[in-house]
Amino acid sequence: MTYLELVNKTLLRLREEEVASVNDTDYSKLIGIFVNDAIRYIESSWDWSVLRTTFPITTIAGTNLYSLTDFGVRSEVLYVHDETNNRVVPQESLQRIRELSLGTDNAQGTIQYYALEGVDANGDVQIRFYQTPNAVTSINVYGVKRDNVLVNDTDTTSLPDAIIAQFAFAYALRERGETGGQSAGEQVALAQADLTNAVALEANLRPEEVNWNVT
């Protein structure tokens, strides 16, 4: 659903007139802020299937630090796979990787571990490997890409639009009080219930991520 459609969907709940652009009025601009606040909250509530993506890296011999382009700082790494050598690369602490690098004089070889380290000038997270690659290697970083901020009327999101509108409506009620006898607290509870149901349905697609085995 587009940014404009989400704003109008929220305005209708508030018994306000729809707008032709999010920037038409000061109030529609405010609702646009609430829509993005709702998206940010919903994004952080679950590793949604629609947000899962792959960040490819092609290593350079002798270089062990790479940026995850368009990753931002709110995204999440699920796992890292070495496509060239067909193996999962386990995560280690950055401290341990630095210790290993110093202990072997930063020897080059097949990648054994990865750690996330700081951000680059573009605000994207960087990933450091050990050992330092000794050849061109194809690495896929599988993760969840967040920071989905809507700016233009036609910008879209694949997150559940009904829940976005529910939370945006709740935030708007907090700002101006009751609408039709419904309080902000009641609306937050309704929105949270819808979000819980949506997460439960998504969890059914990936039971391995919500089941824990005692060993």
N, C-alpha and C. Protein backbone atom coordinates (compact mmCIF):
# COMPACT_ATOMS: atom_id res chain seq x y z
N MET A 1 0.84 -1.19 0.00
CA MET A 1 0.00 0.00 0.00
C MET A 1 0.88 1.24 0.00
N THR A 2 0.45 2.31 -0.69
CA THR A 2 1.26 3.51 -0.79
C THR A 2 1.16 4.36 0.49
N TYR A 3 2.13 5.25 0.61
CA TYR A 3 2.16 6.19 1.74
C TYR A 3 0.86 7.01 1.78
N LEU A 4 0.45 7.53 0.64
CA LEU A 4 -0.77 8.34 0.57
C LEU A 4 -1.99 7.53 0.98
N GLU A 5 -2.08 6.30 0.51
CA GLU A 5 -3.22 5.45 0.85
C GLU A 5 -3.28 5.17 2.35
N LEU A 6 -2.12 4.94 2.96
CA LEU A 6 -2.08 4.69 4.40
C LEU A 6 -2.51 5.93 5.18
N VAL A 7 -2.06 7.11 4.75
CA VAL A 7 -2.46 8.35 5.41
C VAL A 7 -3.96 8.55 5.30
N ASN A 8 -4.52 8.35 4.10
CA ASN A 8 -5.96 8.52 3.92
C ASN A 8 -6.77 7.49 4.70
N LYS A 9 -6.24 6.28 4.79
CA LYS A 9 -6.92 5.23 5.55
C LYS A 9 -7.01 5.64 7.02
N THR A 10 -5.95 6.28 7.52
CA THR A 10 -5.94 6.74 8.91
C THR A 10 -6.85 7.96 9.08
N LEU A 11 -6.83 8.87 8.12
CA LEU A 11 -7.69 10.05 8.18
C LEU A 11 -9.17 9.66 8.24
N LEU A 12 -9.54 8.66 7.46
CA LEU A 12 -10.94 8.21 7.47
C LEU A 12 -11.35 7.69 8.85
N ARG A 13 -10.44 7.00 9.51
CA ARG A 13 -10.72 6.51 10.86
C ARG A 13 -10.93 7.68 11.83
N LEU A 14 -10.26 8.78 11.53
CA LEU A 14 -10.37 9.98 12.37
C LEU A 14 -11.53 10.88 11.95
N ARG A 15 -12.30 10.41 10.94
CA ARG A 15 -13.43 11.18 10.40
C ARG A 15 -12.97 12.50 9.80
N GLU A 16 -11.83 12.45 9.15
CA GLU A 16 -11.28 13.60 8.45
C GLU A 16 -11.36 13.36 6.94
N GLU A 17 -11.33 14.45 6.18
CA GLU A 17 -11.36 14.33 4.73
C GLU A 17 -10.05 13.78 4.20
N GLU A 18 -10.15 12.99 3.13
CA GLU A 18 -8.95 12.48 2.49
C GLU A 18 -8.21 13.62 1.78
N VAL A 19 -6.92 13.40 1.52
CA VAL A 19 -6.09 14.42 0.87
C VAL A 19 -5.54 13.86 -0.44
N ALA A 20 -5.13 14.77 -1.32
CA ALA A 20 -4.55 14.37 -2.60
C ALA A 20 -3.06 14.10 -2.49
N SER A 21 -2.45 14.62 -1.42
CA SER A 21 -1.03 14.40 -1.16
C SER A 21 -0.80 14.44 0.34
N VAL A 22 0.16 13.68 0.80
CA VAL A 22 0.48 13.65 2.23
C VAL A 22 0.82 15.05 2.74
N ASN A 23 1.41 15.87 1.88
CA ASN A 23 1.84 17.21 2.29
C ASN A 23 0.77 18.28 2.07
N ASP A 24 -0.46 17.88 1.82
CA ASP A 24 -1.52 18.86 1.55
C ASP A 24 -1.81 19.77 2.74
N THR A 25 -1.87 19.21 3.92
CA THR A 25 -2.19 19.99 5.12
C THR A 25 -1.20 19.66 6.24
N ASP A 26 -1.18 20.53 7.24
CA ASP A 26 -0.33 20.27 8.39
C ASP A 26 -0.76 18.99 9.10
N TYR A 27 -2.08 18.74 9.11
CA TYR A 27 -2.57 17.55 9.81
C TYR A 27 -2.22 16.28 9.05
N SER A 28 -2.32 16.31 7.73
CA SER A 28 -1.96 15.12 6.95
C SER A 28 -0.46 14.82 7.07
N LYS A 29 0.34 15.89 7.20
CA LYS A 29 1.78 15.69 7.43
C LYS A 29 2.01 15.00 8.77
N LEU A 30 1.24 15.42 9.79
CA LEU A 30 1.36 14.80 11.11
C LEU A 30 0.96 13.33 11.05
N ILE A 31 -0.13 13.04 10.34
CA ILE A 31 -0.55 11.64 10.19
C ILE A 31 0.53 10.84 9.47
N GLY A 32 1.21 11.47 8.51
CA GLY A 32 2.32 10.80 7.82
C GLY A 32 3.42 10.41 8.79
N ILE A 33 3.69 11.27 9.76
CA ILE A 33 4.69 10.94 10.78
C ILE A 33 4.23 9.74 11.60
N PHE A 34 2.94 9.74 11.96
CA PHE A 34 2.40 8.61 12.74
C PHE A 34 2.45 7.31 11.94
N VAL A 35 2.20 7.39 10.63
CA VAL A 35 2.29 6.20 9.78
C VAL A 35 3.70 5.63 9.81
N ASN A 36 4.71 6.50 9.69
CA ASN A 36 6.09 6.02 9.73
C ASN A 36 6.47 5.50 11.11
N ASP A 37 5.93 6.13 12.17
CA ASP A 37 6.16 5.61 13.52
C ASP A 37 5.59 4.20 13.65
N ALA A 38 4.40 3.99 13.08
CA ALA A 38 3.76 2.67 13.13
C ALA A 38 4.58 1.64 12.37
N ILE A 39 5.07 2.03 11.19
CA ILE A 39 5.89 1.11 10.40
C ILE A 39 7.14 0.71 11.17
N ARG A 40 7.78 1.69 11.80
CA ARG A 40 9.01 1.41 12.54
C ARG A 40 8.73 0.43 13.69
N TYR A 41 7.61 0.61 14.37
CA TYR A 41 7.25 -0.28 15.48
C TYR A 41 6.96 -1.69 14.97
N ILE A 42 6.18 -1.78 13.91
CA ILE A 42 5.79 -3.09 13.37
C ILE A 42 7.02 -3.80 12.80
N GLU A 43 7.90 -3.07 12.12
CA GLU A 43 9.13 -3.67 11.58
C GLU A 43 9.94 -4.36 12.68
N SER A 44 10.00 -3.72 13.84
CA SER A 44 10.85 -4.21 14.93
C SER A 44 10.20 -5.34 15.72
N SER A 45 8.94 -5.62 15.44
CA SER A 45 8.19 -6.60 16.24
C SER A 45 8.43 -8.04 15.80
N TRP A 46 8.95 -8.24 14.58
CA TRP A 46 9.10 -9.61 14.08
C TRP A 46 10.01 -9.56 12.86
N ASP A 47 10.65 -10.70 12.57
CA ASP A 47 11.47 -10.81 11.36
C ASP A 47 10.56 -11.19 10.19
N TRP A 48 9.80 -10.21 9.71
CA TRP A 48 8.78 -10.46 8.68
C TRP A 48 9.37 -11.04 7.41
N SER A 49 8.65 -11.97 6.81
CA SER A 49 9.10 -12.60 5.57
C SER A 49 9.33 -11.57 4.47
N VAL A 50 8.45 -10.56 4.40
CA VAL A 50 8.55 -9.56 3.32
C VAL A 50 9.76 -8.66 3.46
N LEU A 51 10.40 -8.67 4.64
CA LEU A 51 11.58 -7.84 4.86
C LEU A 51 12.88 -8.63 4.72
N ARG A 52 12.77 -9.93 4.53
CA ARG A 52 13.97 -10.77 4.43
C ARG A 52 14.59 -10.63 3.05
N THR A 53 15.90 -10.48 3.04
CA THR A 53 16.60 -10.27 1.78
C THR A 53 18.04 -10.77 1.89
N THR A 54 18.77 -10.68 0.78
CA THR A 54 20.16 -11.14 0.73
C THR A 54 21.07 -9.97 0.41
N PHE A 55 22.13 -9.85 1.17
CA PHE A 55 23.16 -8.84 0.92
C PHE A 55 24.40 -9.56 0.40
N PRO A 56 24.67 -9.50 -0.91
CA PRO A 56 25.81 -10.24 -1.47
C PRO A 56 27.13 -9.49 -1.27
N ILE A 57 28.17 -10.24 -1.06
CA ILE A 57 29.53 -9.68 -0.95
C ILE A 57 30.45 -10.51 -1.82
N THR A 58 31.26 -9.86 -2.62
CA THR A 58 32.34 -10.52 -3.35
C THR A 58 33.65 -10.07 -2.74
N THR A 59 34.34 -10.97 -2.06
CA THR A 59 35.53 -10.57 -1.33
C THR A 59 36.71 -10.30 -2.26
N ILE A 60 37.66 -9.58 -1.74
CA ILE A 60 38.92 -9.27 -2.43
C ILE A 60 40.04 -9.89 -1.61
N ALA A 61 40.95 -10.57 -2.25
CA ALA A 61 42.08 -11.17 -1.53
C ALA A 61 42.82 -10.10 -0.74
N GLY A 62 43.03 -10.36 0.55
CA GLY A 62 43.77 -9.43 1.39
C GLY A 62 42.90 -8.41 2.11
N THR A 63 41.57 -8.44 1.89
CA THR A 63 40.67 -7.48 2.54
C THR A 63 39.65 -8.24 3.39
N ASN A 64 39.53 -7.85 4.67
CA ASN A 64 38.63 -8.59 5.55
C ASN A 64 37.49 -7.75 6.12
N LEU A 65 37.36 -6.49 5.69
CA LEU A 65 36.29 -5.62 6.17
C LEU A 65 35.45 -5.13 5.00
N TYR A 66 34.11 -5.34 5.08
CA TYR A 66 33.21 -4.99 3.99
C TYR A 66 31.96 -4.31 4.53
N SER A 67 31.37 -3.44 3.72
CA SER A 67 30.12 -2.78 4.09
C SER A 67 28.94 -3.55 3.52
N LEU A 68 27.87 -3.62 4.28
CA LEU A 68 26.63 -4.23 3.81
C LEU A 68 25.76 -3.11 3.22
N THR A 69 25.84 -2.94 1.92
CA THR A 69 25.19 -1.83 1.22
C THR A 69 23.68 -1.84 1.45
N ASP A 70 23.16 -0.67 1.86
CA ASP A 70 21.73 -0.46 2.12
C ASP A 70 21.24 -1.23 3.35
N PHE A 71 22.15 -1.71 4.15
CA PHE A 71 21.76 -2.47 5.35
C PHE A 71 21.21 -1.54 6.43
N GLY A 72 21.78 -0.33 6.55
CA GLY A 72 21.37 0.58 7.60
C GLY A 72 21.88 0.10 8.96
N VAL A 73 21.23 0.58 10.02
CA VAL A 73 21.66 0.19 11.36
C VAL A 73 20.57 -0.55 12.14
N ARG A 74 19.36 -0.62 11.59
CA ARG A 74 18.26 -1.30 12.29
C ARG A 74 17.99 -2.69 11.71
N SER A 75 18.72 -3.04 10.69
CA SER A 75 18.51 -4.35 10.07
C SER A 75 19.18 -5.43 10.92
N GLU A 76 19.00 -6.67 10.50
CA GLU A 76 19.45 -7.81 11.31
C GLU A 76 20.02 -8.90 10.42
N VAL A 77 21.16 -9.44 10.81
CA VAL A 77 21.76 -10.57 10.10
C VAL A 77 21.20 -11.86 10.69
N LEU A 78 20.66 -12.73 9.82
CA LEU A 78 20.16 -14.03 10.25
C LEU A 78 21.25 -15.10 10.18
N TYR A 79 21.93 -15.17 9.03
CA TYR A 79 23.09 -16.04 8.92
C TYR A 79 23.90 -15.66 7.69
N VAL A 80 25.13 -16.15 7.66
CA VAL A 80 26.07 -15.83 6.57
C VAL A 80 26.49 -17.13 5.91
N HIS A 81 26.46 -17.16 4.57
CA HIS A 81 26.80 -18.38 3.85
C HIS A 81 27.90 -18.10 2.83
N ASP A 82 28.93 -18.94 2.86
CA ASP A 82 30.02 -18.90 1.89
C ASP A 82 29.58 -19.72 0.68
N GLU A 83 29.16 -19.03 -0.37
CA GLU A 83 28.66 -19.73 -1.55
C GLU A 83 29.77 -20.46 -2.30
N THR A 84 30.94 -19.88 -2.31
CA THR A 84 32.06 -20.48 -3.03
C THR A 84 32.46 -21.83 -2.44
N ASN A 85 32.50 -21.91 -1.10
CA ASN A 85 32.92 -23.14 -0.43
C ASN A 85 31.74 -23.92 0.16
N ASN A 86 30.52 -23.44 -0.09
CA ASN A 86 29.29 -24.12 0.33
C ASN A 86 29.30 -24.46 1.82
N ARG A 87 29.42 -23.43 2.65
CA ARG A 87 29.40 -23.64 4.09
C ARG A 87 28.85 -22.40 4.79
N VAL A 88 28.20 -22.64 5.92
CA VAL A 88 27.71 -21.54 6.75
C VAL A 88 28.89 -20.97 7.53
N VAL A 89 28.98 -19.65 7.58
CA VAL A 89 30.04 -18.99 8.33
C VAL A 89 29.49 -18.60 9.70
N PRO A 90 30.00 -19.16 10.79
CA PRO A 90 29.46 -18.83 12.11
C PRO A 90 29.91 -17.45 12.58
N GLN A 91 29.10 -16.88 13.47
CA GLN A 91 29.44 -15.57 14.04
C GLN A 91 30.33 -15.74 15.25
N GLU A 92 31.28 -14.82 15.39
CA GLU A 92 32.15 -14.75 16.55
C GLU A 92 32.11 -13.33 17.09
N SER A 93 32.60 -13.14 18.29
CA SER A 93 32.68 -11.79 18.83
C SER A 93 33.78 -11.03 18.09
N LEU A 94 33.60 -9.74 17.97
CA LEU A 94 34.61 -8.92 17.31
C LEU A 94 35.94 -8.99 18.05
N GLN A 95 35.87 -9.05 19.37
CA GLN A 95 37.09 -9.15 20.17
C GLN A 95 37.86 -10.42 19.84
N ARG A 96 37.13 -11.54 19.71
CA ARG A 96 37.78 -12.82 19.40
C ARG A 96 38.42 -12.79 18.02
N ILE A 97 37.73 -12.21 17.05
CA ILE A 97 38.27 -12.14 15.70
C ILE A 97 39.54 -11.29 15.68
N ARG A 98 39.54 -10.20 16.43
CA ARG A 98 40.74 -9.36 16.48
C ARG A 98 41.89 -10.12 17.16
N GLU A 99 41.58 -10.88 18.19
CA GLU A 99 42.61 -11.68 18.86
C GLU A 99 43.21 -12.72 17.91
N LEU A 100 42.34 -13.40 17.16
CA LEU A 100 42.81 -14.40 16.22
C LEU A 100 43.67 -13.78 15.13
N SER A 101 43.26 -12.60 14.66
CA SER A 101 44.02 -11.93 13.60
C SER A 101 45.40 -11.53 14.09
N LEU A 102 45.48 -11.03 15.31
CA LEU A 102 46.78 -10.64 15.86
C LEU A 102 47.64 -11.87 16.11
N GLY A 103 47.02 -12.95 16.59
CA GLY A 103 47.77 -14.15 16.94
C GLY A 103 48.39 -14.85 15.75
N THR A 104 47.82 -14.67 14.56
CA THR A 104 48.37 -15.35 13.38
C THR A 104 48.95 -14.36 12.39
N ASP A 105 49.15 -13.13 12.87
CA ASP A 105 49.70 -12.08 11.99
C ASP A 105 48.78 -11.87 10.79
N ASN A 106 47.46 -11.98 11.06
CA ASN A 106 46.44 -11.76 10.05
C ASN A 106 46.65 -12.64 8.82
N ALA A 107 46.88 -13.92 9.05
CA ALA A 107 47.10 -14.85 7.94
C ALA A 107 45.87 -14.91 7.05
N GLN A 108 46.11 -15.12 5.75
CA GLN A 108 45.01 -15.21 4.80
C GLN A 108 44.64 -16.67 4.57
N GLY A 109 43.35 -16.90 4.28
CA GLY A 109 42.90 -18.26 4.04
C GLY A 109 41.40 -18.27 3.80
N THR A 110 40.77 -19.41 4.05
CA THR A 110 39.33 -19.54 3.90
C THR A 110 38.63 -18.88 5.08
N ILE A 111 37.56 -18.16 4.82
CA ILE A 111 36.83 -17.46 5.88
C ILE A 111 36.28 -18.47 6.89
N GLN A 112 36.56 -18.23 8.18
CA GLN A 112 36.12 -19.11 9.25
C GLN A 112 35.00 -18.50 10.10
N TYR A 113 35.06 -17.19 10.34
CA TYR A 113 34.09 -16.52 11.20
C TYR A 113 33.78 -15.13 10.64
N TYR A 114 32.70 -14.55 11.17
CA TYR A 114 32.41 -13.15 10.87
C TYR A 114 31.97 -12.44 12.15
N ALA A 115 32.11 -11.12 12.15
CA ALA A 115 31.60 -10.28 13.23
C ALA A 115 31.15 -8.96 12.62
N LEU A 116 30.17 -8.32 13.21
CA LEU A 116 29.71 -7.02 12.75
C LEU A 116 30.51 -5.94 13.48
N GLU A 117 30.91 -4.93 12.70
CA GLU A 117 31.80 -3.92 13.27
C GLU A 117 31.42 -2.52 12.76
N GLY A 118 30.83 -1.72 13.64
CA GLY A 118 30.61 -0.31 13.34
C GLY A 118 29.84 -0.05 12.06
N VAL A 119 29.87 1.21 11.62
CA VAL A 119 29.20 1.62 10.39
C VAL A 119 30.16 2.41 9.52
N ASP A 120 29.85 2.45 8.21
CA ASP A 120 30.69 3.21 7.29
C ASP A 120 30.13 4.63 7.14
N ALA A 121 30.69 5.40 6.21
CA ALA A 121 30.29 6.79 6.01
C ALA A 121 28.84 6.92 5.55
N ASN A 122 28.28 5.85 4.97
CA ASN A 122 26.90 5.87 4.50
C ASN A 122 25.91 5.40 5.56
N GLY A 123 26.42 5.07 6.74
CA GLY A 123 25.54 4.60 7.81
C GLY A 123 25.20 3.13 7.71
N ASP A 124 25.94 2.38 6.89
CA ASP A 124 25.70 0.94 6.74
C ASP A 124 26.64 0.15 7.64
N VAL A 125 26.12 -0.93 8.22
CA VAL A 125 26.92 -1.79 9.08
C VAL A 125 28.04 -2.45 8.28
N GLN A 126 29.19 -2.64 8.92
CA GLN A 126 30.32 -3.33 8.29
C GLN A 126 30.49 -4.71 8.90
N ILE A 127 30.99 -5.63 8.09
CA ILE A 127 31.22 -7.00 8.53
C ILE A 127 32.69 -7.34 8.36
N ARG A 128 33.28 -7.95 9.39
CA ARG A 128 34.70 -8.32 9.36
C ARG A 128 34.83 -9.84 9.37
N PHE A 129 35.74 -10.35 8.54
CA PHE A 129 35.93 -11.80 8.43
C PHE A 129 37.26 -12.23 9.02
N TYR A 130 37.29 -13.44 9.49
CA TYR A 130 38.53 -14.13 9.84
C TYR A 130 38.41 -15.56 9.29
N GLN A 131 39.36 -16.07 8.62
CA GLN A 131 40.60 -15.42 8.21
C GLN A 131 40.34 -14.40 7.10
N THR A 132 41.35 -13.55 6.89
CA THR A 132 41.26 -12.64 5.76
C THR A 132 41.24 -13.46 4.47
N PRO A 133 40.26 -13.22 3.59
CA PRO A 133 40.16 -14.01 2.36
C PRO A 133 41.47 -13.98 1.55
N ASN A 134 41.84 -15.13 1.04
CA ASN A 134 43.04 -15.20 0.20
C ASN A 134 42.69 -15.31 -1.28
N ALA A 135 41.39 -15.19 -1.59
CA ALA A 135 40.93 -15.28 -2.98
C ALA A 135 39.56 -14.63 -3.08
N VAL A 136 39.10 -14.44 -4.29
CA VAL A 136 37.75 -13.93 -4.50
C VAL A 136 36.75 -14.98 -4.03
N THR A 137 35.86 -14.59 -3.13
CA THR A 137 34.88 -15.51 -2.56
C THR A 137 33.50 -14.86 -2.60
N SER A 138 32.50 -15.64 -2.96
CA SER A 138 31.13 -15.14 -2.99
C SER A 138 30.45 -15.45 -1.66
N ILE A 139 30.05 -14.38 -0.95
CA ILE A 139 29.42 -14.50 0.35
C ILE A 139 28.00 -13.92 0.27
N ASN A 140 27.04 -14.63 0.81
CA ASN A 140 25.68 -14.11 0.92
C ASN A 140 25.34 -13.91 2.39
N VAL A 141 24.97 -12.68 2.71
CA VAL A 141 24.51 -12.37 4.06
C VAL A 141 22.98 -12.32 4.02
N TYR A 142 22.34 -13.23 4.70
CA TYR A 142 20.88 -13.29 4.73
C TYR A 142 20.39 -12.55 5.96
N GLY A 143 19.46 -11.63 5.75
CA GLY A 143 19.02 -10.82 6.88
C GLY A 143 17.65 -10.21 6.70
N VAL A 144 17.30 -9.35 7.64
CA VAL A 144 16.03 -8.63 7.64
C VAL A 144 16.34 -7.16 7.48
N LYS A 145 15.84 -6.55 6.41
CA LYS A 145 16.13 -5.15 6.13
C LYS A 145 15.02 -4.26 6.67
N ARG A 146 15.37 -3.42 7.64
CA ARG A 146 14.42 -2.50 8.22
C ARG A 146 14.72 -1.07 7.72
N ASP A 147 14.33 -0.05 8.47
CA ASP A 147 14.48 1.35 8.05
C ASP A 147 13.64 1.66 6.81
N ASN A 148 12.42 1.16 6.80
CA ASN A 148 11.52 1.40 5.67
C ASN A 148 10.73 2.68 5.92
N VAL A 149 11.34 3.85 5.66
CA VAL A 149 10.69 5.14 5.88
C VAL A 149 10.04 5.61 4.59
N LEU A 150 8.77 5.95 4.66
CA LEU A 150 8.04 6.44 3.49
C LEU A 150 8.16 7.96 3.42
N VAL A 151 8.44 8.46 2.22
CA VAL A 151 8.64 9.90 2.02
C VAL A 151 7.69 10.45 0.97
N ASN A 152 7.67 9.82 -0.20
CA ASN A 152 6.84 10.29 -1.31
C ASN A 152 5.47 9.62 -1.26
N ASP A 153 4.47 10.27 -1.87
CA ASP A 153 3.11 9.75 -1.87
C ASP A 153 3.04 8.32 -2.39
N THR A 154 3.87 8.01 -3.38
CA THR A 154 3.80 6.70 -4.04
C THR A 154 4.72 5.65 -3.42
N ASP A 155 5.49 6.03 -2.38
CA ASP A 155 6.32 5.04 -1.69
C ASP A 155 5.42 3.96 -1.09
N THR A 156 5.92 2.73 -1.10
CA THR A 156 5.09 1.62 -0.62
C THR A 156 5.79 0.82 0.48
N THR A 157 5.00 0.06 1.19
CA THR A 157 5.51 -0.91 2.16
C THR A 157 4.74 -2.20 1.99
N SER A 158 5.41 -3.31 2.24
CA SER A 158 4.77 -4.63 2.13
C SER A 158 4.29 -5.14 3.49
N LEU A 159 4.51 -4.35 4.54
CA LEU A 159 4.02 -4.75 5.85
C LEU A 159 2.50 -4.70 5.88
N PRO A 160 1.85 -5.39 6.83
CA PRO A 160 0.38 -5.43 6.88
C PRO A 160 -0.21 -4.02 7.02
N ASP A 161 -0.90 -3.56 5.97
CA ASP A 161 -1.38 -2.18 5.94
C ASP A 161 -2.45 -1.91 7.00
N ALA A 162 -3.30 -2.90 7.28
CA ALA A 162 -4.37 -2.70 8.26
C ALA A 162 -3.78 -2.42 9.65
N ILE A 163 -2.69 -3.11 9.98
CA ILE A 163 -2.07 -2.92 11.30
C ILE A 163 -1.36 -1.57 11.35
N ILE A 164 -0.74 -1.17 10.25
CA ILE A 164 -0.10 0.16 10.22
C ILE A 164 -1.15 1.24 10.49
N ALA A 165 -2.29 1.15 9.81
CA ALA A 165 -3.35 2.13 10.00
C ALA A 165 -3.89 2.10 11.43
N GLN A 166 -3.98 0.90 12.01
CA GLN A 166 -4.47 0.77 13.39
C GLN A 166 -3.55 1.51 14.36
N PHE A 167 -2.24 1.31 14.22
CA PHE A 167 -1.30 1.97 15.13
C PHE A 167 -1.23 3.47 14.86
N ALA A 168 -1.26 3.88 13.59
CA ALA A 168 -1.25 5.30 13.26
C ALA A 168 -2.47 5.99 13.85
N PHE A 169 -3.61 5.31 13.79
CA PHE A 169 -4.84 5.83 14.38
C PHE A 169 -4.68 5.98 15.89
N ALA A 170 -4.07 5.00 16.53
CA ALA A 170 -3.85 5.05 17.97
C ALA A 170 -2.96 6.24 18.34
N TYR A 171 -1.89 6.44 17.56
CA TYR A 171 -0.99 7.57 17.84
C TYR A 171 -1.71 8.90 17.65
N ALA A 172 -2.59 8.97 16.64
CA ALA A 172 -3.35 10.19 16.40
C ALA A 172 -4.32 10.47 17.54
N LEU A 173 -4.93 9.41 18.07
CA LEU A 173 -5.85 9.58 19.20
C LEU A 173 -5.11 10.11 20.42
N ARG A 174 -3.91 9.63 20.63
CA ARG A 174 -3.11 10.14 21.76
C ARG A 174 -2.88 11.64 21.62
N GLU A 175 -2.70 12.07 20.36
CA GLU A 175 -2.38 13.48 20.11
C GLU A 175 -3.59 14.38 20.31
N ARG A 176 -4.80 13.91 19.96
CA ARG A 176 -5.94 14.82 20.00
C ARG A 176 -7.09 14.36 20.90
N GLY A 177 -6.99 13.22 21.51
CA GLY A 177 -8.03 12.77 22.41
C GLY A 177 -8.98 11.79 21.75
N GLU A 178 -10.12 11.53 22.39
CA GLU A 178 -11.06 10.52 21.90
C GLU A 178 -11.67 10.91 20.56
N THR A 179 -12.05 9.89 19.79
CA THR A 179 -12.82 10.07 18.56
C THR A 179 -13.96 9.07 18.58
N GLY A 180 -15.18 9.58 18.60
CA GLY A 180 -16.33 8.68 18.64
C GLY A 180 -16.38 7.85 19.90
N GLY A 181 -15.84 8.40 21.00
CA GLY A 181 -15.90 7.70 22.28
C GLY A 181 -14.81 6.68 22.49
N GLN A 182 -13.91 6.51 21.51
CA GLN A 182 -12.83 5.53 21.64
C GLN A 182 -11.57 6.20 22.15
N SER A 183 -10.99 5.65 23.20
CA SER A 183 -9.79 6.24 23.77
C SER A 183 -8.54 5.70 23.08
N ALA A 184 -7.44 6.42 23.27
CA ALA A 184 -6.17 5.98 22.69
C ALA A 184 -5.75 4.64 23.27
N GLY A 185 -5.98 4.46 24.58
CA GLY A 185 -5.60 3.19 25.22
C GLY A 185 -6.34 2.01 24.63
N GLU A 186 -7.64 2.19 24.37
CA GLU A 186 -8.43 1.12 23.76
C GLU A 186 -7.93 0.79 22.36
N GLN A 187 -7.59 1.83 21.60
CA GLN A 187 -7.13 1.61 20.23
C GLN A 187 -5.76 0.94 20.21
N VAL A 188 -4.88 1.32 21.12
CA VAL A 188 -3.57 0.66 21.21
C VAL A 188 -3.76 -0.83 21.48
N ALA A 189 -4.68 -1.16 22.37
CA ALA A 189 -4.93 -2.57 22.69
C ALA A 189 -5.44 -3.33 21.47
N LEU A 190 -6.33 -2.70 20.69
CA LEU A 190 -6.83 -3.33 19.48
C LEU A 190 -5.71 -3.54 18.46
N ALA A 191 -4.89 -2.51 18.28
CA ALA A 191 -3.79 -2.60 17.32
C ALA A 191 -2.79 -3.68 17.75
N GLN A 192 -2.49 -3.73 19.06
CA GLN A 192 -1.54 -4.72 19.56
C GLN A 192 -2.08 -6.13 19.37
N ALA A 193 -3.40 -6.31 19.55
CA ALA A 193 -4.01 -7.63 19.35
C ALA A 193 -3.90 -8.05 17.89
N ASP A 194 -4.14 -7.12 16.97
CA ASP A 194 -4.01 -7.43 15.54
C ASP A 194 -2.56 -7.79 15.20
N LEU A 195 -1.62 -7.05 15.78
CA LEU A 195 -0.20 -7.34 15.53
C LEU A 195 0.18 -8.71 16.06
N THR A 196 -0.30 -9.05 17.25
CA THR A 196 -0.01 -10.36 17.83
C THR A 196 -0.53 -11.48 16.95
N ASN A 197 -1.73 -11.30 16.42
CA ASN A 197 -2.31 -12.31 15.53
C ASN A 197 -1.50 -12.46 14.25
N ALA A 198 -1.07 -11.33 13.69
CA ALA A 198 -0.28 -11.36 12.45
C ALA A 198 1.06 -12.05 12.68
N VAL A 199 1.70 -11.77 13.81
CA VAL A 199 2.98 -12.42 14.13
C VAL A 199 2.78 -13.92 14.30
N ALA A 200 1.68 -14.31 14.95
CA ALA A 200 1.40 -15.73 15.15
C ALA A 200 1.23 -16.44 13.82
N LEU A 201 0.54 -15.81 12.88
CA LEU A 201 0.36 -16.41 11.55
C LEU A 201 1.70 -16.53 10.83
N GLU A 202 2.54 -15.49 10.95
CA GLU A 202 3.87 -15.54 10.32
C GLU A 202 4.73 -16.61 10.96
N ALA A 203 4.63 -16.76 12.26
CA ALA A 203 5.45 -17.75 12.97
C ALA A 203 5.15 -19.16 12.50
N ASN A 204 3.91 -19.40 12.04
CA ASN A 204 3.56 -20.72 11.53
C ASN A 204 4.37 -21.09 10.28
N LEU A 205 4.86 -20.06 9.57
CA LEU A 205 5.64 -20.32 8.37
C LEU A 205 7.07 -20.76 8.70
N ARG A 206 7.53 -20.40 9.91
CA ARG A 206 8.91 -20.70 10.30
C ARG A 206 8.94 -21.25 11.73
N PRO A 207 8.36 -22.43 11.95
CA PRO A 207 8.31 -22.98 13.31
C PRO A 207 9.69 -23.22 13.91
N GLU A 208 10.67 -23.44 13.06
CA GLU A 208 12.02 -23.69 13.57
C GLU A 208 12.62 -22.48 14.27
N GLU A 209 12.04 -21.30 14.03
CA GLU A 209 12.60 -20.09 14.63
C GLU A 209 11.95 -19.75 15.98
N VAL A 210 10.90 -20.46 16.32
CA VAL A 210 10.22 -20.18 17.59
C VAL A 210 10.18 -21.39 18.51
N ASN A 211 10.79 -22.50 18.09
CA ASN A 211 10.85 -23.69 18.92
C ASN A 211 12.25 -23.81 19.53
N TRP A 212 12.31 -24.12 20.80
CA TRP A 212 13.58 -24.31 21.47
C TRP A 212 13.67 -25.75 21.97
N ASN A 213 14.82 -26.36 21.74
CA ASN A 213 15.03 -27.73 22.20
C ASN A 213 15.97 -27.73 23.38
N VAL A 214 15.59 -28.44 24.43
CA VAL A 214 16.44 -28.57 25.62
C VAL A 214 17.41 -29.72 25.40
N THR A 215 18.70 -29.45 25.50
CA THR A 215 19.70 -30.48 25.28
C THR A 215 20.53 -30.71 26.54
